[in-house]
PDB file of N, CA and C in Angstrom:
ATOM      1  N   MET A   1      11.711 -46.795 -37.656  1.00  0.00           N
ATOM      2  CA  MET A   1      10.896 -45.495 -38.345  1.00  0.00           C
ATOM      3  C   MET A   1       9.792 -46.181 -39.480  1.00  0.00           C
ATOM      4  N   THR A   2       8.762 -44.659 -38.985  1.00  0.00           N
ATOM      5  CA  THR A   2       7.611 -44.519 -39.461  1.00  0.00           C
ATOM      6  C   THR A   2       7.778 -44.899 -41.173  1.00  0.00           C
ATOM      7  N   HIS A   3       6.331 -45.687 -41.587  1.00  0.00           N
ATOM      8  CA  HIS A   3       6.061 -45.864 -42.787  1.00  0.00           C
ATOM      9  C   HIS A   3       6.087 -44.515 -43.832  1.00  0.00           C
ATOM     10  N   PHE A   4       5.232 -43.845 -42.981  1.00  0.00           N
ATOM     11  CA  PHE A   4       5.269 -43.009 -43.588  1.00  0.00           C
ATOM     12  C   PHE A   4       6.839 -41.592 -44.254  1.00  0.00           C
ATOM     13  N   LEU A   5       7.682 -42.074 -43.216  1.00  0.00           N
ATOM     14  CA  LEU A   5       8.972 -41.588 -43.408  1.00  0.00           C
ATOM     15  C   LEU A   5       9.721 -42.341 -44.404  1.00  0.00           C
ATOM     16  N   LEU A   6       9.718 -43.885 -44.639  1.00  0.00           N
ATOM     17  CA  LEU A   6       9.891 -44.846 -45.766  1.00  0.00           C
ATOM     18  C   LEU A   6       9.883 -44.474 -46.750  1.00  0.00           C
ATOM     19  N   LEU A   7       8.232 -43.910 -46.816  1.00  0.00           N
ATOM     20  CA  LEU A   7       7.813 -43.789 -48.202  1.00  0.00           C
ATOM     21  C   LEU A   7       8.703 -42.320 -49.086  1.00  0.00           C
ATOM     22  N   ILE A   8       8.549 -41.752 -47.785  1.00  0.00           N
ATOM     23  CA  ILE A   8       9.179 -40.100 -48.396  1.00  0.00           C
ATOM     24  C   ILE A   8      10.433 -40.258 -49.108  1.00  0.00           C
ATOM     25  N   ILE A   9      11.349 -41.063 -48.178  1.00  0.00           N
ATOM     26  CA  ILE A   9      12.611 -41.716 -48.777  1.00  0.00           C
ATOM     27  C   ILE A   9      12.361 -42.427 -49.808  1.00  0.00           C
ATOM     28  N   VAL A  10      11.474 -43.821 -50.056  1.00  0.00           N
ATOM     29  CA  VAL A  10      11.797 -43.747 -51.637  1.00  0.00           C
ATOM     30  C   VAL A  10      11.346 -43.049 -52.655  1.00  0.00           C
ATOM     31  N   SER A  11      10.508 -42.300 -52.296  1.00  0.00           N
ATOM     32  CA  SER A  11       9.693 -41.320 -53.528  1.00  0.00           C
ATOM     33  C   SER A  11      11.138 -40.871 -53.737  1.00  0.00           C
ATOM     34  N   LEU A  12      11.808 -39.756 -52.826  1.00  0.00           N
ATOM     35  CA  LEU A  12      13.037 -39.110 -52.732  1.00  0.00           C
ATOM     36  C   LEU A  12      13.846 -39.192 -53.695  1.00  0.00           C
ATOM     37  N   LEU A  13      14.380 -40.618 -53.202  1.00  0.00           N
ATOM     38  CA  LEU A  13      15.291 -41.631 -53.662  1.00  0.00           C
ATOM     39  C   LEU A  13      15.325 -41.579 -55.229  1.00  0.00           C
ATOM     40  N   THR A  14      14.099 -42.288 -55.304  1.00  0.00           N
ATOM     41  CA  THR A  14      13.469 -42.614 -57.110  1.00  0.00           C
ATOM     42  C   THR A  14      13.796 -41.123 -57.851  1.00  0.00           C
ATOM     43  N   CYS A  15      13.234 -40.503 -57.306  1.00  0.00           N
ATOM     44  CA  CYS A  15      13.049 -39.175 -58.101  1.00  0.00           C
ATOM     45  C   CYS A  15      14.230 -38.460 -58.561  1.00  0.00           C
ATOM     46  N   PHE A  16      15.165 -38.496 -57.457  1.00  0.00           N
ATOM     47  CA  PHE A  16      16.393 -38.052 -57.933  1.00  0.00           C
ATOM     48  C   PHE A  16      17.462 -38.586 -58.455  1.00  0.00           C
ATOM     49  N   GLY A  17      17.110 -40.281 -58.193  1.00  0.00           N
ATOM     50  CA  GLY A  17      17.688 -40.952 -59.446  1.00  0.00           C
ATOM     51  C   GLY A  17      17.229 -40.874 -60.519  1.00  0.00           C
ATOM     52  N   GLN A  18      16.173 -40.407 -60.828  1.00  0.00           N
ATOM     53  CA  GLN A  18      15.569 -40.559 -62.372  1.00  0.00           C
ATOM     54  C   GLN A  18      15.895 -39.100 -63.120  1.00  0.00           C
ATOM     55  N   VAL A  19      15.880 -38.397 -62.035  1.00  0.00           N
ATOM     56  CA  VAL A  19      16.765 -36.999 -62.656  1.00  0.00           C
ATOM     57  C   VAL A  19      18.082 -36.968 -62.942  1.00  0.00           C
ATOM     58  N   CYS A  20      18.848 -37.416 -62.288  1.00  0.00           N
ATOM     59  CA  CYS A  20      20.033 -38.409 -62.275  1.00  0.00           C
ATOM     60  C   CYS A  20      20.502 -38.843 -64.150  1.00  0.00           C
ATOM     61  N   GLN A  21      19.612 -39.790 -64.501  1.00  0.00           N
ATOM     62  CA  GLN A  21      19.363 -40.321 -65.764  1.00  0.00           C
ATOM     63  C   GLN A  21      18.874 -39.078 -67.055  1.00  0.00           C
ATOM     64  N   LYS A  22      18.213 -38.404 -66.514  1.00  0.00           N
ATOM     65  CA  LYS A  22      17.659 -37.192 -67.058  1.00  0.00           C
ATOM     66  C   LYS A  22      19.138 -36.274 -67.679  1.00  0.00           C
ATOM     67  N   GLN A  23      20.073 -35.756 -66.328  1.00  0.00           N
ATOM     68  CA  GLN A  23      21.124 -34.946 -66.885  1.00  0.00           C
ATOM     69  C   GLN A  23      22.550 -36.389 -67.723  1.00  0.00           C
ATOM     70  N   ALA A  24      22.203 -37.776 -67.491  1.00  0.00           N
ATOM     71  CA  ALA A  24      23.201 -38.330 -68.364  1.00  0.00           C
ATOM     72  C   ALA A  24      22.786 -38.136 -69.635  1.00  0.00           C
ATOM     73  N   VAL A  25      21.389 -38.160 -70.149  1.00  0.00           N
ATOM     74  CA  VAL A  25      21.119 -37.881 -71.099  1.00  0.00           C
ATOM     75  C   VAL A  25      21.371 -36.995 -71.993  1.00  0.00           C
ATOM     76  N   ILE A  26      21.241 -35.239 -71.313  1.00  0.00           N
ATOM     77  CA  ILE A  26      21.289 -34.099 -71.432  1.00  0.00           C
ATOM     78  C   ILE A  26      22.745 -34.440 -71.969  1.00  0.00           C
ATOM     79  N   TYR A  27      23.805 -34.184 -70.702  1.00  0.00           N
ATOM     80  CA  TYR A  27      25.296 -34.503 -71.712  1.00  0.00           C
ATOM     81  C   TYR A  27      25.417 -35.393 -72.663  1.00  0.00           C
ATOM     82  N   TRP A  28      25.165 -37.301 -72.399  1.00  0.00           N
ATOM     83  CA  TRP A  28      25.393 -38.052 -74.138  1.00  0.00           C
ATOM     84  C   TRP A  28      25.082 -37.254 -75.046  1.00  0.00           C
ATOM     85  N   GLN A  29      23.672 -36.017 -74.942  1.00  0.00           N
ATOM     86  CA  GLN A  29      23.624 -35.213 -76.593  1.00  0.00           C
ATOM     87  C   GLN A  29      24.230 -34.196 -76.624  1.00  0.00           C
ATOM     88  N   SER A  30      24.964 -33.835 -75.645  1.00  0.00           N
ATOM     89  CA  SER A  30      25.464 -32.512 -75.640  1.00  0.00           C
ATOM     90  C   SER A  30      26.490 -32.080 -76.497  1.00  0.00           C
ATOM     91  N   GLY A  31      27.454 -33.093 -76.737  1.00  0.00           N
ATOM     92  CA  GLY A  31      28.512 -33.343 -77.504  1.00  0.00           C
ATOM     93  C   GLY A  31      29.882 -33.135 -77.599  1.00  0.00           C
ATOM     94  N   LEU A  32      30.168 -32.508 -75.871  1.00  0.00           N
ATOM     95  CA  LEU A  32      31.067 -32.193 -75.380  1.00  0.00           C
ATOM     96  C   LEU A  32      32.232 -33.387 -75.265  1.00  0.00           C
ATOM     97  N   PRO A  33      33.596 -32.707 -75.335  1.00  0.00           N
ATOM     98  CA  PRO A  33      34.456 -33.783 -75.525  1.00  0.00           C
ATOM     99  C   PRO A  33      34.384 -34.729 -74.075  1.00  0.00           C
ATOM    100  N   THR A  34      34.516 -34.621 -72.941  1.00  0.00           N
ATOM    101  CA  THR A  34      33.786 -34.839 -71.447  1.00  0.00           C
ATOM    102  C   THR A  34      32.661 -35.603 -71.258  1.00  0.00           C
ATOM    103  N   LYS A  35      32.019 -35.803 -72.914  1.00  0.00           N
ATOM    104  CA  LYS A  35      30.182 -36.619 -72.516  1.00  0.00           C
ATOM    105  C   LYS A  35      30.437 -37.841 -71.836  1.00  0.00           C
ATOM    106  N   ASN A  36      31.538 -38.628 -72.155  1.00  0.00           N
ATOM    107  CA  ASN A  36      30.921 -39.927 -71.643  1.00  0.00           C
ATOM    108  C   ASN A  36      31.488 -40.348 -70.160  1.00  0.00           C
ATOM    109  N   SER A  37      32.446 -39.384 -69.749  1.00  0.00           N
ATOM    110  CA  SER A  37      33.044 -38.880 -67.845  1.00  0.00           C
ATOM    111  C   SER A  37      31.349 -38.201 -67.439  1.00  0.00           C
ATOM    112  N   LEU A  38      31.116 -38.058 -68.202  1.00  0.00           N
ATOM    113  CA  LEU A  38      29.784 -37.315 -66.976  1.00  0.00           C
ATOM    114  C   LEU A  38      28.562 -37.952 -67.753  1.00  0.00           C
ATOM    115  N   VAL A  39      28.279 -38.321 -68.863  1.00  0.00           N
ATOM    116  CA  VAL A  39      27.238 -39.668 -68.515  1.00  0.00           C
ATOM    117  C   VAL A  39      27.462 -40.474 -67.535  1.00  0.00           C
ATOM    118  N   PHE A  40      28.561 -40.884 -67.605  1.00  0.00           N
ATOM    119  CA  PHE A  40      29.098 -42.028 -66.602  1.00  0.00           C
ATOM    120  C   PHE A  40      29.229 -41.694 -65.365  1.00  0.00           C
ATOM    121  N   LYS A  41      29.383 -40.974 -64.960  1.00  0.00           N
ATOM    122  CA  LYS A  41      29.518 -40.288 -63.346  1.00  0.00           C
ATOM    123  C   LYS A  41      27.038 -40.018 -63.351  1.00  0.00           C
ATOM    124  N   TRP A  42      26.840 -39.160 -64.025  1.00  0.00           N
ATOM    125  CA  TRP A  42      25.061 -39.340 -63.450  1.00  0.00           C
ATOM    126  C   TRP A  42      24.569 -40.868 -63.791  1.00  0.00           C
ATOM    127  N   LEU A  43      25.193 -41.621 -64.307  1.00  0.00           N
ATOM    128  CA  LEU A  43      24.353 -43.021 -64.577  1.00  0.00           C
ATOM    129  C   LEU A  43      24.985 -43.515 -63.083  1.00  0.00           C
ATOM    130  N   VAL A  44      26.510 -43.577 -62.601  1.00  0.00           N
ATOM    131  CA  VAL A  44      26.297 -43.849 -61.536  1.00  0.00           C
ATOM    132  C   VAL A  44      25.749 -43.958 -60.772  1.00  0.00           C
ATOM    133  N   ILE A  45      25.751 -42.548 -59.995  1.00  0.00           N
ATOM    134  CA  ILE A  45      24.754 -42.218 -59.181  1.00  0.00           C
ATOM    135  C   ILE A  45      23.347 -42.120 -59.617  1.00  0.00           C
ATOM    136  N   ALA A  46      22.558 -42.024 -60.299  1.00  0.00           N
ATOM    137  CA  ALA A  46      21.421 -42.580 -60.772  1.00  0.00           C
ATOM    138  C   ALA A  46      21.044 -44.219 -60.010  1.00  0.00           C
ATOM    139  N   ILE A  47      22.482 -45.303 -60.271  1.00  0.00           N
ATOM    140  CA  ILE A  47      21.992 -46.412 -59.871  1.00  0.00           C
ATOM    141  C   ILE A  47      22.342 -46.878 -58.671  1.00  0.00           C
ATOM    142  N   ILE A  48      22.873 -45.707 -57.888  1.00  0.00           N
ATOM    143  CA  ILE A  48      23.398 -46.015 -56.293  1.00  0.00           C
ATOM    144  C   ILE A  48      21.512 -45.573 -55.620  1.00  0.00           C
ATOM    145  N   LEU A  49      21.220 -44.195 -56.323  1.00  0.00           N
ATOM    146  CA  LEU A  49      20.269 -44.003 -55.692  1.00  0.00           C
ATOM    147  C   LEU A  49      19.049 -44.593 -55.596  1.00  0.00           C
ATOM    148  N   LEU A  50      19.156 -45.307 -56.891  1.00  0.00           N
ATOM    149  CA  LEU A  50      17.740 -46.081 -57.284  1.00  0.00           C
ATOM    150  C   LEU A  50      17.997 -47.810 -56.134  1.00  0.00           C
ATOM    151  N   ALA A  51      19.233 -47.701 -56.465  1.00  0.00           N
ATOM    152  CA  ALA A  51      19.777 -49.294 -54.919  1.00  0.00           C
ATOM    153  C   ALA A  51      19.309 -49.131 -53.832  1.00  0.00           C
ATOM    154  N   LEU A  52      19.643 -47.761 -53.554  1.00  0.00           N
ATOM    155  CA  LEU A  52      19.402 -47.019 -52.332  1.00  0.00           C
ATOM    156  C   LEU A  52      17.634 -47.143 -51.981  1.00  0.00           C
ATOM    157  N   ALA A  53      16.960 -46.791 -52.884  1.00  0.00           N
ATOM    158  CA  ALA A  53      15.264 -46.662 -53.258  1.00  0.00           C
ATOM    159  C   ALA A  53      14.449 -48.213 -53.002  1.00  0.00           C
ATOM    160  N   MET A  54      15.424 -48.933 -53.688  1.00  0.00           N
ATOM    161  CA  MET A  54      14.907 -50.152 -53.911  1.00  0.00           C
ATOM    162  C   MET A  54      14.856 -50.624 -52.330  1.00  0.00           C
ATOM    163  N   LEU A  55      16.608 -50.597 -51.451  1.00  0.00           N
ATOM    164  CA  LEU A  55      16.536 -51.483 -50.548  1.00  0.00           C
ATOM    165  C   LEU A  55      15.013 -50.919 -49.522  1.00  0.00           C
ATOM    166  N   PHE A  56      15.149 -49.269 -49.063  1.00  0.00           N
ATOM    167  CA  PHE A  56      14.283 -48.939 -48.536  1.00  0.00           C
ATOM    168  C   PHE A  56      12.424 -49.195 -48.673  1.00  0.00           C
ATOM    169  N   TRP A  57      12.659 -49.826 -50.224  1.00  0.00           N
ATOM    170  CA  TRP A  57      11.665 -50.067 -49.992  1.00  0.00           C
ATOM    171  C   TRP A  57      10.919 -51.596 -50.269  1.00  0.00           C
ATOM    172  N   LEU A  58      11.535 -52.342 -50.110  1.00  0.00           N
ATOM    173  CA  LEU A  58      12.017 -53.764 -49.242  1.00  0.00           C
ATOM    174  C   LEU A  58      11.401 -53.560 -47.680  1.00  0.00           C
ATOM    175  N   LYS A  59      11.970 -52.524 -47.225  1.00  0.00           N
ATOM    176  CA  LYS A  59      11.856 -52.027 -45.995  1.00  0.00           C
ATOM    177  C   LYS A  59       9.927 -51.634 -45.922  1.00  0.00           C
ATOM    178  N   LEU A  60       9.765 -51.178 -46.183  1.00  0.00           N
ATOM    179  CA  LEU A  60       8.425 -50.709 -46.221  1.00  0.00           C
ATOM    180  C   LEU A  60       7.078 -51.691 -46.845  1.00  0.00           C
ATOM    181  N   LEU A  61       7.990 -52.715 -47.897  1.00  0.00           N
ATOM    182  CA  LEU A  61       6.495 -53.513 -48.034  1.00  0.00           C
ATOM    183  C   LEU A  61       6.679 -54.587 -46.255  1.00  0.00           C
ATOM    184  N   GLN A  62       7.356 -54.533 -46.223  1.00  0.00           N
ATOM    185  CA  GLN A  62       8.030 -55.611 -44.800  1.00  0.00           C
ATOM    186  C   GLN A  62       5.897 -54.465 -43.468  1.00  0.00           C
ATOM    187  N   ILE A  63       6.529 -53.525 -43.785  1.00  0.00           N
ATOM    188  CA  ILE A  63       5.111 -52.902 -42.999  1.00  0.00           C
ATOM    189  C   ILE A  63       4.117 -52.567 -43.730  1.00  0.00           C
ATOM    190  N   LEU A  64       4.640 -52.053 -45.043  1.00  0.00           N
ATOM    191  CA  LEU A  64       2.810 -51.885 -45.173  1.00  0.00           C
ATOM    192  C   LEU A  64       2.179 -53.647 -46.522  1.00  0.00           C
ATOM    193  N   PRO A  65       1.515 -53.383 -46.489  1.00  0.00           N
ATOM    194  CA  PRO A  65       0.589 -54.105 -47.903  1.00  0.00           C
ATOM    195  C   PRO A  65       0.962 -53.742 -49.357  1.00  0.00           C
ATOM    196  N   LEU A  66       1.316 -54.427 -49.909  1.00  0.00           N
ATOM    197  CA  LEU A  66       1.595 -53.788 -51.576  1.00  0.00           C
ATOM    198  C   LEU A  66       0.808 -52.588 -51.870  1.00  0.00           C
ATOM    199  N   SER A  67      -0.858 -53.608 -51.615  1.00  0.00           N
ATOM    200  CA  SER A  67      -2.016 -52.714 -51.798  1.00  0.00           C
ATOM    201  C   SER A  67      -2.005 -51.122 -51.820  1.00  0.00           C
ATOM    202  N   ILE A  68      -1.714 -51.165 -50.651  1.00  0.00           N
ATOM    203  CA  ILE A  68      -1.606 -49.665 -50.050  1.00  0.00           C
ATOM    204  C   ILE A  68      -0.187 -49.506 -50.091  1.00  0.00           C
ATOM    205  N   ALA A  69       0.980 -49.446 -50.492  1.00  0.00           N
ATOM    206  CA  ALA A  69       2.260 -49.213 -50.383  1.00  0.00           C
ATOM    207  C   ALA A  69       2.404 -48.360 -51.921  1.00  0.00           C
ATOM    208  N   TYR A  70       2.003 -49.217 -53.119  1.00  0.00           N
ATOM    209  CA  TYR A  70       2.593 -49.295 -54.213  1.00  0.00           C
ATOM    210  C   TYR A  70       1.491 -47.759 -54.818  1.00  0.00           C
ATOM    211  N   PRO A  71       0.732 -47.957 -54.314  1.00  0.00           N
ATOM    212  CA  PRO A  71      -0.216 -46.358 -55.347  1.00  0.00           C
ATOM    213  C   PRO A  71       0.490 -45.527 -54.253  1.00  0.00           C
ATOM    214  N   MET A  72       1.352 -44.948 -53.127  1.00  0.00           N
ATOM    215  CA  MET A  72       1.499 -43.932 -52.600  1.00  0.00           C
ATOM    216  C   MET A  72       3.175 -43.987 -53.237  1.00  0.00           C
ATOM    217  N   LEU A  73       3.019 -44.632 -54.234  1.00  0.00           N
ATOM    218  CA  LEU A  73       4.876 -43.979 -55.174  1.00  0.00           C
ATOM    219  C   LEU A  73       3.929 -42.631 -55.932  1.00  0.00           C
ATOM    220  N   SER A  74       2.565 -42.832 -56.553  1.00  0.00           N
ATOM    221  CA  SER A  74       2.454 -41.691 -57.166  1.00  0.00           C
ATOM    222  C   SER A  74       2.563 -40.904 -56.677  1.00  0.00           C
ATOM    223  N   PHE A  75       3.022 -40.365 -55.601  1.00  0.00           N
ATOM    224  CA  PHE A  75       3.955 -38.953 -55.447  1.00  0.00           C
ATOM    225  C   PHE A  75       4.777 -38.668 -55.863  1.00  0.00           C
ATOM    226  N   ASN A  76       5.193 -39.576 -57.062  1.00  0.00           N
ATOM    227  CA  ASN A  76       6.378 -39.730 -57.542  1.00  0.00           C
ATOM    228  C   ASN A  76       6.242 -38.811 -59.364  1.00  0.00           C
ATOM    229  N   PHE A  77       5.122 -38.993 -59.306  1.00  0.00           N
ATOM    230  CA  PHE A  77       4.507 -37.745 -60.215  1.00  0.00           C
ATOM    231  C   PHE A  77       4.624 -36.376 -60.140  1.00  0.00           C
ATOM    232  N   VAL A  78       4.097 -36.423 -58.787  1.00  0.00           N
ATOM    233  CA  VAL A  78       4.305 -34.190 -58.347  1.00  0.00           C
ATOM    234  C   VAL A  78       5.441 -34.424 -58.918  1.00  0.00           C
ATOM    235  N   ILE A  79       6.202 -35.070 -57.929  1.00  0.00           N
ATOM    236  CA  ILE A  79       7.698 -34.734 -57.336  1.00  0.00           C
ATOM    237  C   ILE A  79       8.786 -34.151 -58.779  1.00  0.00           C
ATOM    238  N   VAL A  80       8.307 -35.298 -59.522  1.00  0.00           N
ATOM    239  CA  VAL A  80       9.017 -34.972 -61.244  1.00  0.00           C
ATOM    240  C   VAL A  80       8.564 -33.956 -62.144  1.00  0.00           C
ATOM    241  N   THR A  81       7.236 -33.611 -61.954  1.00  0.00           N
ATOM    242  CA  THR A  81       6.420 -32.321 -62.872  1.00  0.00           C
ATOM    243  C   THR A  81       7.234 -31.129 -61.843  1.00  0.00           C
ATOM    244  N   LEU A  82       7.099 -31.314 -60.430  1.00  0.00           N
ATOM    245  CA  LEU A  82       7.606 -29.843 -60.195  1.00  0.00           C
ATOM    246  C   LEU A  82       9.071 -30.255 -60.701  1.00  0.00           C
ATOM    247  N   ILE A  83      10.134 -30.692 -60.236  1.00  0.00           N
ATOM    248  CA  ILE A  83      11.067 -31.007 -61.172  1.00  0.00           C
ATOM    249  C   ILE A  83      11.260 -30.401 -62.520  1.00  0.00           C
ATOM    250  N   GLY A  84      10.824 -31.080 -63.519  1.00  0.00           N
ATOM    251  CA  GLY A  84      10.531 -30.499 -64.400  1.00  0.00           C
ATOM    252  C   GLY A  84      10.165 -28.863 -65.278  1.00  0.00           C
ATOM    253  N   GLN A  85       9.061 -28.596 -64.323  1.00  0.00           N
ATOM    254  CA  GLN A  85       8.990 -27.274 -64.627  1.00  0.00           C
ATOM    255  C   GLN A  85      10.315 -26.076 -64.196  1.00  0.00           C
ATOM    256  N   PHE A  86      10.711 -26.584 -62.676  1.00  0.00           N
ATOM    257  CA  PHE A  86      11.527 -25.015 -62.629  1.00  0.00           C
ATOM    258  C   PHE A  86      12.909 -25.752 -62.678  1.00  0.00           C
ATOM    259  N   ILE A  87      13.959 -27.028 -63.032  1.00  0.00           N
ATOM    260  CA  ILE A  87      14.445 -27.559 -62.951  1.00  0.00           C
ATOM    261  C   ILE A  87      15.260 -27.279 -64.719  1.00  0.00           C
ATOM    262  N   TYR A  88      13.854 -27.932 -64.884  1.00  0.00           N
ATOM    263  CA  TYR A  88      14.326 -28.707 -66.715  1.00  0.00           C
ATOM    264  C   TYR A  88      13.861 -27.230 -67.535  1.00  0.00           C
ATOM    265  N   GLN A  89      12.349 -26.391 -67.004  1.00  0.00           N
ATOM    266  CA  GLN A  89      11.696 -25.374 -67.638  1.00  0.00           C
ATOM    267  C   GLN A  89      10.972 -25.704 -68.577  1.00  0.00           C
ATOM    268  N   GLU A  90      10.373 -27.125 -68.291  1.00  0.00           N
ATOM    269  CA  GLU A  90       9.298 -27.668 -68.758  1.00  0.00           C
ATOM    270  C   GLU A  90       8.495 -27.190 -68.915  1.00  0.00           C
ATOM    271  N   LYS A  91       7.389 -26.987 -70.219  1.00  0.00           N
ATOM    272  CA  LYS A  91       6.060 -26.491 -69.666  1.00  0.00           C
ATOM    273  C   LYS A  91       5.421 -27.323 -69.528  1.00  0.00           C
ATOM    274  N   ILE A  92       4.307 -27.163 -68.704  1.00  0.00           N
ATOM    275  CA  ILE A  92       3.502 -28.374 -68.353  1.00  0.00           C
ATOM    276  C   ILE A  92       2.086 -28.193 -68.423  1.00  0.00           C
ATOM    277  N   SER A  93       1.173 -28.281 -69.252  1.00  0.00           N
ATOM    278  CA  SER A  93       0.252 -28.406 -68.805  1.00  0.00           C
ATOM    279  C   SER A  93      -1.076 -28.305 -68.060  1.00  0.00           C
ATOM    280  N   ILE A  94      -2.247 -27.261 -68.512  1.00  0.00           N
ATOM    281  CA  ILE A  94      -3.352 -27.679 -67.787  1.00  0.00           C
ATOM    282  C   ILE A  94      -3.571 -28.855 -67.062  1.00  0.00           C
ATOM    283  N   LYS A  95      -3.904 -29.554 -68.518  1.00  0.00           N
ATOM    284  CA  LYS A  95      -4.286 -30.413 -68.026  1.00  0.00           C
ATOM    285  C   LYS A  95      -3.103 -32.246 -67.524  1.00  0.00           C
ATOM    286  N   HIS A  96      -2.018 -31.620 -67.552  1.00  0.00           N
ATOM    287  CA  HIS A  96      -1.325 -32.526 -67.025  1.00  0.00           C
ATOM    288  C   HIS A  96      -1.317 -31.664 -65.663  1.00  0.00           C
ATOM    289  N   TRP A  97      -1.159 -31.057 -64.980  1.00  0.00           N
ATOM    290  CA  TRP A  97      -1.582 -30.029 -63.484  1.00  0.00           C
ATOM    291  C   TRP A  97      -2.705 -30.484 -63.343  1.00  0.00           C
ATOM    292  N   ILE A  98      -4.252 -30.446 -63.887  1.00  0.00           N
ATOM    293  CA  ILE A  98      -4.917 -31.627 -63.497  1.00  0.00           C
ATOM    294  C   ILE A  98      -5.171 -33.109 -63.012  1.00  0.00           C
ATOM    295  N   GLY A  99      -4.596 -33.114 -63.645  1.00  0.00           N
ATOM    296  CA  GLY A  99      -3.959 -35.550 -63.527  1.00  0.00           C
ATOM    297  C   GLY A  99      -3.111 -35.063 -62.024  1.00  0.00           C
ATOM    298  N   VAL A 100      -2.387 -34.600 -61.995  1.00  0.00           N
ATOM    299  CA  VAL A 100      -1.577 -34.143 -60.975  1.00  0.00           C
ATOM    300  C   VAL A 100      -1.964 -34.348 -59.584  1.00  0.00           C
ATOM    301  N   PHE A 101      -3.076 -33.294 -59.726  1.00  0.00           N
ATOM    302  CA  PHE A 101      -4.450 -32.374 -58.904  1.00  0.00           C
ATOM    303  C   PHE A 101      -5.076 -34.260 -58.114  1.00  0.00           C
ATOM    304  N   ILE A 102      -5.122 -35.016 -59.547  1.00  0.00           N
ATOM    305  CA  ILE A 102      -5.923 -36.185 -59.203  1.00  0.00           C
ATOM    306  C   ILE A 102      -5.906 -37.028 -58.820  1.00  0.00           C
ATOM    307  N   ILE A 103      -4.293 -37.250 -58.826  1.00  0.00           N
ATOM    308  CA  ILE A 103      -3.043 -38.296 -58.060  1.00  0.00           C
ATOM    309  C   ILE A 103      -3.277 -37.300 -56.936  1.00  0.00           C
ATOM    310  N   MET A 104      -2.840 -36.824 -56.561  1.00  0.00           N
ATOM    311  CA  MET A 104      -2.669 -35.673 -54.825  1.00  0.00           C
ATOM    312  C   MET A 104      -4.242 -36.095 -54.402  1.00  0.00           C
ATOM    313  N   LEU A 105      -4.948 -36.059 -55.100  1.00  0.00           N
ATOM    314  CA  LEU A 105      -6.736 -36.321 -54.055  1.00  0.00           C
ATOM    315  C   LEU A 105      -6.423 -37.904 -54.020  1.00  0.00           C
ATOM    316  N   GLY A 106      -6.267 -38.901 -54.698  1.00  0.00           N
ATOM    317  CA  GLY A 106      -6.096 -40.047 -55.091  1.00  0.00           C
ATOM    318  C   GLY A 106      -5.379 -40.325 -53.067  1.00  0.00           C
ATOM    319  N   ILE A 107      -4.220 -40.183 -53.436  1.00  0.00           N
ATOM    320  CA  ILE A 107      -2.650 -39.922 -51.863  1.00  0.00           C
ATOM    321  C   ILE A 107      -3.926 -39.932 -50.865  1.00  0.00           C
ATOM    322  N   VAL A 108      -4.401 -38.561 -50.931  1.00  0.00           N
ATOM    323  CA  VAL A 108      -5.148 -38.034 -49.533  1.00  0.00           C
ATOM    324  C   VAL A 108      -6.179 -39.150 -49.149  1.00  0.00           C
ATOM    325  N   LEU A 109      -7.136 -39.776 -49.957  1.00  0.00           N
ATOM    326  CA  LEU A 109      -8.069 -40.673 -49.614  1.00  0.00           C
ATOM    327  C   LEU A 109      -7.478 -42.484 -49.401  1.00  0.00           C
ATOM    328  N   LEU A 110      -6.459 -42.463 -50.065  1.00  0.00           N
ATOM    329  CA  LEU A 110      -5.479 -43.347 -49.376  1.00  0.00           C
ATOM    330  C   LEU A 110      -5.235 -43.568 -48.110  1.00  0.00           C
ATOM    331  N   ASN A 111      -5.096 -42.097 -46.882  1.00  0.00           N
ATOM    332  CA  ASN A 111      -4.633 -41.917 -45.763  1.00  0.00           C
ATOM    333  C   ASN A 111      -5.689 -41.751 -45.328  1.00  0.00           C
ATOM    334  N   ILE A 112      -6.502 -41.782 -45.334  1.00  0.00           N
ATOM    335  CA  ILE A 112      -7.868 -41.465 -44.763  1.00  0.00           C
ATOM    336  C   ILE A 112      -8.508 -42.293 -44.072  1.00  0.00           C
TER     337      ILE A 112
END
């Protein structure tokens, strides 16, 4: 498995783990009678995804130096921003988008 594929897997698992945590918070605040079981379900899924992300991360660290691998996880900011806007209908400011663009530029520069 290439380091690029491992990096994508780690990023996606981490981001989806964070989304599951967000879902748990949404249900926690919902006041639904079934909220405890829904919160628990989302937190269990989050723990599983984040644990898998950690395992792939450890594999990635066997291939890449930490000083290269860790900054590459900045791609998570891009993914989470897109999820926030399109799934949770969060309003993203132009300043935030400029920051995301700068992060993407940094990732590109690291790969040159």
